[in-house]
PDB file of all heavy atoms in Angstrom:
ATOM      1  N   LEU A   1      -3.588  31.020   8.362  1.00  0.00           N
ATOM      2  CA  LEU A   1      -2.786  30.562   7.228  1.00  0.00           C
ATOM      3  C   LEU A   1      -3.764  29.992   6.207  1.00  0.00           C
ATOM      4  O   LEU A   1      -4.215  28.856   6.341  1.00  0.00           O
ATOM      5  CB  LEU A   1      -1.781  29.491   7.674  1.00  0.00           C
ATOM      6  CG  LEU A   1      -0.799  29.888   8.774  1.00  0.00           C
ATOM      7  CD1 LEU A   1       0.014  28.690   9.224  1.00  0.00           C
ATOM      8  CD2 LEU A   1       0.102  31.020   8.298  1.00  0.00           C
ATOM      9  N   GLU A   2      -4.118  30.803   5.212  1.00  0.00           N
ATOM     10  CA  GLU A   2      -5.091  30.349   4.226  1.00  0.00           C
ATOM     11  C   GLU A   2      -4.537  29.173   3.440  1.00  0.00           C
ATOM     12  O   GLU A   2      -3.326  29.058   3.231  1.00  0.00           O
ATOM     13  CB  GLU A   2      -5.450  31.489   3.272  1.00  0.00           C
ATOM     14  CG  GLU A   2      -6.261  32.574   3.923  1.00  0.00           C
ATOM     15  CD  GLU A   2      -6.747  33.620   2.943  1.00  0.00           C
ATOM     16  OE1 GLU A   2      -6.415  33.550   1.735  1.00  0.00           O
ATOM     17  OE2 GLU A   2      -7.468  34.531   3.399  1.00  0.00           O
ATOM     18  N   GLU A   3      -5.420  28.294   3.015  1.00  0.00           N
ATOM     19  CA  GLU A   3      -4.999  27.137   2.232  1.00  0.00           C
ATOM     20  C   GLU A   3      -4.155  27.593   1.047  1.00  0.00           C
ATOM     21  O   GLU A   3      -4.519  28.519   0.337  1.00  0.00           O
ATOM     22  CB  GLU A   3      -6.213  26.362   1.728  1.00  0.00           C
ATOM     23  CG  GLU A   3      -5.831  25.070   1.048  1.00  0.00           C
ATOM     24  CD  GLU A   3      -7.038  24.245   0.675  1.00  0.00           C
ATOM     25  OE1 GLU A   3      -8.110  24.392   1.292  1.00  0.00           O
ATOM     26  OE2 GLU A   3      -6.895  23.422  -0.242  1.00  0.00           O
ATOM     27  N   GLY A   4      -3.015  26.954   0.889  1.00  0.00           N
ATOM     28  CA  GLY A   4      -2.117  27.310  -0.207  1.00  0.00           C
ATOM     29  C   GLY A   4      -1.294  28.564   0.039  1.00  0.00           C
ATOM     30  O   GLY A   4      -0.732  29.131  -0.885  1.00  0.00           O
ATOM     31  N   TRP A   5      -1.193  28.996   1.298  1.00  0.00           N
ATOM     32  CA  TRP A   5      -0.419  30.210   1.606  1.00  0.00           C
ATOM     33  C   TRP A   5       1.025  30.067   1.174  1.00  0.00           C
ATOM     34  O   TRP A   5       1.664  31.019   0.763  1.00  0.00           O
ATOM     35  CB  TRP A   5      -0.513  30.575   3.082  1.00  0.00           C
ATOM     36  CG  TRP A   5       0.201  29.635   4.021  1.00  0.00           C
ATOM     37  CD1 TRP A   5      -0.290  28.457   4.514  1.00  0.00           C
ATOM     38  CD2 TRP A   5       1.495  29.778   4.573  1.00  0.00           C
ATOM     39  NE1 TRP A   5       0.631  27.867   5.346  1.00  0.00           N
ATOM     40  CE2 TRP A   5       1.736  28.655   5.401  1.00  0.00           C
ATOM     41  CE3 TRP A   5       2.502  30.742   4.467  1.00  0.00           C
ATOM     42  CZ2 TRP A   5       2.911  28.463   6.112  1.00  0.00           C
ATOM     43  CZ3 TRP A   5       3.680  30.553   5.179  1.00  0.00           C
ATOM     44  CH2 TRP A   5       3.871  29.436   5.987  1.00  0.00           C
ATOM     45  N   ILE A   6       1.530  28.852   1.269  1.00  0.00           N
ATOM     46  CA  ILE A   6       2.857  28.575   0.744  1.00  0.00           C
ATOM     47  C   ILE A   6       2.686  27.463  -0.281  1.00  0.00           C
ATOM     48  O   ILE A   6       2.150  26.402   0.026  1.00  0.00           O
ATOM     49  CB  ILE A   6       3.874  28.222   1.838  1.00  0.00           C
ATOM     50  CG1 ILE A   6       5.261  28.087   1.235  1.00  0.00           C
ATOM     51  CG2 ILE A   6       3.475  27.003   2.616  1.00  0.00           C
ATOM     52  CD1 ILE A   6       6.378  28.165   2.226  1.00  0.00           C
ATOM     53  N   ALA A   7       3.073  27.744  -1.499  1.00  0.00           N
ATOM     54  CA  ALA A   7       2.840  26.794  -2.585  1.00  0.00           C
ATOM     55  C   ALA A   7       4.156  26.185  -3.061  1.00  0.00           C
ATOM     56  O   ALA A   7       5.200  26.816  -3.002  1.00  0.00           O
ATOM     57  CB  ALA A   7       2.143  27.503  -3.736  1.00  0.00           C
ATOM     58  N   TYR A   8       4.053  24.961  -3.538  1.00  0.00           N
ATOM     59  CA  TYR A   8       5.194  24.236  -4.105  1.00  0.00           C
ATOM     60  C   TYR A   8       6.305  24.031  -3.087  1.00  0.00           C
ATOM     61  O   TYR A   8       7.479  24.202  -3.382  1.00  0.00           O
ATOM     62  CB  TYR A   8       5.745  24.944  -5.354  1.00  0.00           C
ATOM     63  CG  TYR A   8       4.667  25.345  -6.322  1.00  0.00           C
ATOM     64  CD1 TYR A   8       4.390  26.666  -6.568  1.00  0.00           C
ATOM     65  CD2 TYR A   8       3.900  24.376  -6.949  1.00  0.00           C
ATOM     66  CE1 TYR A   8       3.375  27.041  -7.440  1.00  0.00           C
ATOM     67  CE2 TYR A   8       2.879  24.735  -7.820  1.00  0.00           C
ATOM     68  CZ  TYR A   8       2.628  26.060  -8.060  1.00  0.00           C
ATOM     69  OH  TYR A   8       1.615  26.421  -8.909  1.00  0.00           O
ATOM     70  N   GLN A   9       5.936  23.656  -1.874  1.00  0.00           N
ATOM     71  CA  GLN A   9       6.912  23.456  -0.812  1.00  0.00           C
ATOM     72  C   GLN A   9       6.857  22.009  -0.349  1.00  0.00           C
ATOM     73  O   GLN A   9       5.891  21.586   0.253  1.00  0.00           O
ATOM     74  CB  GLN A   9       6.612  24.398   0.363  1.00  0.00           C
ATOM     75  CG  GLN A   9       7.642  24.369   1.446  1.00  0.00           C
ATOM     76  CD  GLN A   9       8.984  24.858   0.976  1.00  0.00           C
ATOM     77  OE1 GLN A   9       9.080  25.794   0.205  1.00  0.00           O
ATOM     78  NE2 GLN A   9      10.034  24.229   1.424  1.00  0.00           N
ATOM     79  N   ASP A  10       7.906  21.250  -0.639  1.00  0.00           N
ATOM     80  CA  ASP A  10       7.948  19.835  -0.265  1.00  0.00           C
ATOM     81  C   ASP A  10       8.805  19.567   0.962  1.00  0.00           C
ATOM     82  O   ASP A  10       8.779  18.474   1.499  1.00  0.00           O
ATOM     83  CB  ASP A  10       8.481  19.001  -1.435  1.00  0.00           C
ATOM     84  CG  ASP A  10       7.603  19.101  -2.660  1.00  0.00           C
ATOM     85  OD1 ASP A  10       6.385  19.262  -2.496  1.00  0.00           O
ATOM     86  OD2 ASP A  10       8.139  19.036  -3.778  1.00  0.00           O
ATOM     87  N   GLU A  11       9.592  20.529   1.384  1.00  0.00           N
ATOM     88  CA  GLU A  11      10.502  20.374   2.518  1.00  0.00           C
ATOM     89  C   GLU A  11       9.855  20.932   3.784  1.00  0.00           C
ATOM     90  O   GLU A  11       8.992  21.793   3.731  1.00  0.00           O
ATOM     91  CB  GLU A  11      11.802  21.133   2.247  1.00  0.00           C
ATOM     92  CG  GLU A  11      12.496  20.739   0.973  1.00  0.00           C
ATOM     93  CD  GLU A  11      13.355  19.509   1.130  1.00  0.00           C
ATOM     94  OE1 GLU A  11      13.847  19.273   2.245  1.00  0.00           O
ATOM     95  OE2 GLU A  11      13.523  18.794   0.131  1.00  0.00           O
ATOM     96  N   VAL A  12      10.336  20.471   4.925  1.00  0.00           N
ATOM     97  CA  VAL A  12       9.883  20.995   6.209  1.00  0.00           C
ATOM     98  C   VAL A  12      10.468  22.388   6.408  1.00  0.00           C
ATOM     99  O   VAL A  12      11.639  22.635   6.124  1.00  0.00           O
ATOM    100  CB  VAL A  12      10.314  20.064   7.363  1.00  0.00           C
ATOM    101  CG1 VAL A  12      10.040  20.701   8.721  1.00  0.00           C
ATOM    102  CG2 VAL A  12       9.601  18.722   7.259  1.00  0.00           C
ATOM    103  N   ILE A  13       9.640  23.295   6.896  1.00  0.00           N
ATOM    104  CA  ILE A  13      10.068  24.646   7.252  1.00  0.00           C
ATOM    105  C   ILE A  13      10.077  24.733   8.769  1.00  0.00           C
ATOM    106  O   ILE A  13       9.111  24.343   9.426  1.00  0.00           O
ATOM    107  CB  ILE A  13       9.109  25.701   6.675  1.00  0.00           C
ATOM    108  CG1 ILE A  13       9.112  25.639   5.155  1.00  0.00           C
ATOM    109  CG2 ILE A  13       9.492  27.093   7.161  1.00  0.00           C
ATOM    110  CD1 ILE A  13       8.025  26.474   4.519  1.00  0.00           C
ATOM    111  N   THR A  14      11.161  25.237   9.326  1.00  0.00           N
ATOM    112  CA  THR A  14      11.271  25.424  10.767  1.00  0.00           C
ATOM    113  C   THR A  14      10.812  26.829  11.124  1.00  0.00           C
ATOM    114  O   THR A  14      11.212  27.796  10.480  1.00  0.00           O
ATOM    115  CB  THR A  14      12.730  25.229  11.231  1.00  0.00           C
ATOM    116  OG1 THR A  14      13.156  23.925  10.874  1.00  0.00           O
ATOM    117  CG2 THR A  14      12.860  25.403  12.732  1.00  0.00           C
ATOM    118  N   VAL A  15       9.966  26.915  12.156  1.00  0.00           N
ATOM    119  CA  VAL A  15       9.498  28.206  12.654  1.00  0.00           C
ATOM    120  C   VAL A  15      10.088  28.397  14.053  1.00  0.00           C
ATOM    121  O   VAL A  15       9.743  27.666  14.980  1.00  0.00           O
ATOM    122  CB  VAL A  15       7.961  28.275  12.729  1.00  0.00           C
ATOM    123  CG1 VAL A  15       7.513  29.652  13.210  1.00  0.00           C
ATOM    124  CG2 VAL A  15       7.333  27.934  11.392  1.00  0.00           C
ATOM    125  N   ALA A  16      10.997  29.343  14.188  1.00  0.00           N
ATOM    126  CA  ALA A  16      11.605  29.653  15.479  1.00  0.00           C
ATOM    127  C   ALA A  16      10.779  30.748  16.152  1.00  0.00           C
ATOM    128  O   ALA A  16      10.782  31.894  15.707  1.00  0.00           O
ATOM    129  CB  ALA A  16      13.047  30.100  15.292  1.00  0.00           C
ATOM    130  N   CYS A  17      10.044  30.354  17.189  1.00  0.00           N
ATOM    131  CA  CYS A  17       9.215  31.288  17.948  1.00  0.00           C
ATOM    132  C   CYS A  17       9.974  31.711  19.206  1.00  0.00           C
ATOM    133  O   CYS A  17      11.006  31.137  19.536  1.00  0.00           O
ATOM    134  CB  CYS A  17       7.896  30.619  18.330  1.00  0.00           C
ATOM    135  SG  CYS A  17       6.931  30.050  16.913  1.00  0.00           S
ATOM    136  N   SER A  18       9.448  32.677  19.923  1.00  0.00           N
ATOM    137  CA  SER A  18      10.129  33.167  21.123  1.00  0.00           C
ATOM    138  C   SER A  18      10.232  32.101  22.213  1.00  0.00           C
ATOM    139  O   SER A  18      11.093  32.192  23.077  1.00  0.00           O
ATOM    140  CB  SER A  18       9.423  34.407  21.657  1.00  0.00           C
ATOM    141  OG  SER A  18       8.093  34.101  22.042  1.00  0.00           O
ATOM    142  N   ASP A  19       9.373  31.071  22.154  1.00  0.00           N
ATOM    143  CA  ASP A  19       9.385  30.035  23.194  1.00  0.00           C
ATOM    144  C   ASP A  19       9.649  28.626  22.654  1.00  0.00           C
ATOM    145  O   ASP A  19       9.345  27.647  23.315  1.00  0.00           O
ATOM    146  CB  ASP A  19       8.072  30.056  23.974  1.00  0.00           C
ATOM    147  CG  ASP A  19       6.853  29.735  23.121  1.00  0.00           C
ATOM    148  OD1 ASP A  19       6.968  29.745  21.869  1.00  0.00           O
ATOM    149  OD2 ASP A  19       5.778  29.482  23.696  1.00  0.00           O
ATOM    150  N   GLY A  20      10.207  28.516  21.476  1.00  0.00           N
ATOM    151  CA  GLY A  20      10.528  27.185  20.940  1.00  0.00           C
ATOM    152  C   GLY A  20      10.284  27.084  19.448  1.00  0.00           C
ATOM    153  O   GLY A  20      10.039  28.083  18.774  1.00  0.00           O
ATOM    154  N   LEU A  21      10.344  25.861  18.962  1.00  0.00           N
ATOM    155  CA  LEU A  21      10.253  25.604  17.522  1.00  0.00           C
ATOM    156  C   LEU A  21       8.950  24.926  17.127  1.00  0.00           C
ATOM    157  O   LEU A  21       8.409  24.116  17.876  1.00  0.00           O
ATOM    158  CB  LEU A  21      11.404  24.694  17.080  1.00  0.00           C
ATOM    159  CG  LEU A  21      12.817  25.219  17.260  1.00  0.00           C
ATOM    160  CD1 LEU A  21      13.826  24.156  16.860  1.00  0.00           C
ATOM    161  CD2 LEU A  21      13.041  26.479  16.458  1.00  0.00           C
ATOM    162  N   LEU A  22       8.478  25.261  15.928  1.00  0.00           N
ATOM    163  CA  LEU A  22       7.384  24.569  15.259  1.00  0.00           C
ATOM    164  C   LEU A  22       7.907  24.129  13.900  1.00  0.00           C
ATOM    165  O   LEU A  22       8.931  24.623  13.427  1.00  0.00           O
ATOM    166  CB  LEU A  22       6.188  25.504  15.048  1.00  0.00           C
ATOM    167  CG  LEU A  22       5.429  25.972  16.268  1.00  0.00           C
ATOM    168  CD1 LEU A  22       4.425  27.050  15.894  1.00  0.00           C
ATOM    169  CD2 LEU A  22       4.726  24.806  16.933  1.00  0.00           C
ATOM    170  N   LYS A  23       7.186  23.245  13.263  1.00  0.00           N
ATOM    171  CA  LYS A  23       7.541  22.825  11.914  1.00  0.00           C
ATOM    172  C   LYS A  23       6.299  22.922  11.028  1.00  0.00           C
ATOM    173  O   LYS A  23       5.193  22.702  11.489  1.00  0.00           O
ATOM    174  CB  LYS A  23       8.087  21.411  11.903  1.00  0.00           C
ATOM    175  CG  LYS A  23       9.425  21.313  12.650  1.00  0.00           C
ATOM    176  CD  LYS A  23      10.094  19.993  12.418  1.00  0.00           C
ATOM    177  CE  LYS A  23      11.337  19.863  13.241  1.00  0.00           C
ATOM    178  NZ  LYS A  23      12.417  20.718  12.910  1.00  0.00           N
ATOM    179  N   ILE A  24       6.545  23.236   9.754  1.00  0.00           N
ATOM    180  CA  ILE A  24       5.466  23.340   8.773  1.00  0.00           C
ATOM    181  C   ILE A  24       5.806  22.416   7.617  1.00  0.00           C
ATOM    182  O   ILE A  24       6.933  22.411   7.137  1.00  0.00           O
ATOM    183  CB  ILE A  24       5.327  24.784   8.251  1.00  0.00           C
ATOM    184  CG1 ILE A  24       4.892  25.710   9.383  1.00  0.00           C
ATOM    185  CG2 ILE A  24       4.355  24.853   7.091  1.00  0.00           C
ATOM    186  CD1 ILE A  24       4.891  27.168   9.019  1.00  0.00           C
ATOM    187  N   LEU A  25       4.825  21.636   7.190  1.00  0.00           N
ATOM    188  CA  LEU A  25       4.985  20.789   6.026  1.00  0.00           C
ATOM    189  C   LEU A  25       3.732  20.948   5.176  1.00  0.00           C
ATOM    190  O   LEU A  25       2.617  20.845   5.687  1.00  0.00           O
ATOM    191  CB  LEU A  25       5.173  19.324   6.420  1.00  0.00           C
ATOM    192  CG  LEU A  25       5.391  18.342   5.265  1.00  0.00           C
ATOM    193  CD1 LEU A  25       6.635  18.693   4.462  1.00  0.00           C
ATOM    194  CD2 LEU A  25       5.481  16.927   5.787  1.00  0.00           C
ATOM    195  N   ALA A  26       3.928  21.231   3.902  1.00  0.00           N
ATOM    196  CA  ALA A  26       2.815  21.433   2.960  1.00  0.00           C
ATOM    197  C   ALA A  26       1.825  22.477   3.463  1.00  0.00           C
ATOM    198  O   ALA A  26       0.613  22.333   3.325  1.00  0.00           O
ATOM    199  CB  ALA A  26       2.121  20.102   2.668  1.00  0.00           C
ATOM    200  N   GLY A  27       2.342  23.518   4.100  1.00  0.00           N
ATOM    201  CA  GLY A  27       1.508  24.627   4.562  1.00  0.00           C
ATOM    202  C   GLY A  27       0.810  24.421   5.882  1.00  0.00           C
ATOM    203  O   GLY A  27       0.125  25.310   6.360  1.00  0.00           O
ATOM    204  N   GLU A  28       0.998  23.258   6.507  1.00  0.00           N
ATOM    205  CA  GLU A  28       0.336  22.956   7.778  1.00  0.00           C
ATOM    206  C   GLU A  28       1.341  22.878   8.914  1.00  0.00           C
ATOM    207  O   GLU A  28       2.423  22.321   8.744  1.00  0.00           O
ATOM    208  CB  GLU A  28      -0.390  21.614   7.676  1.00  0.00           C
ATOM    209  CG  GLU A  28      -1.479  21.563   6.632  1.00  0.00           C
ATOM    210  CD  GLU A  28      -2.686  22.398   6.990  1.00  0.00           C
ATOM    211  OE1 GLU A  28      -3.018  22.507   8.182  1.00  0.00           O
ATOM    212  OE2 GLU A  28      -3.295  22.966   6.065  1.00  0.00           O
TER     213      GLU A  28
END
């Protein structure tokens, strides 16, 4: 995930994987 891959994102993004959830905030 290159720096700035997702820009202008202030909310948490949920990542639903095959074995559970991750969260992304500010691209991390």
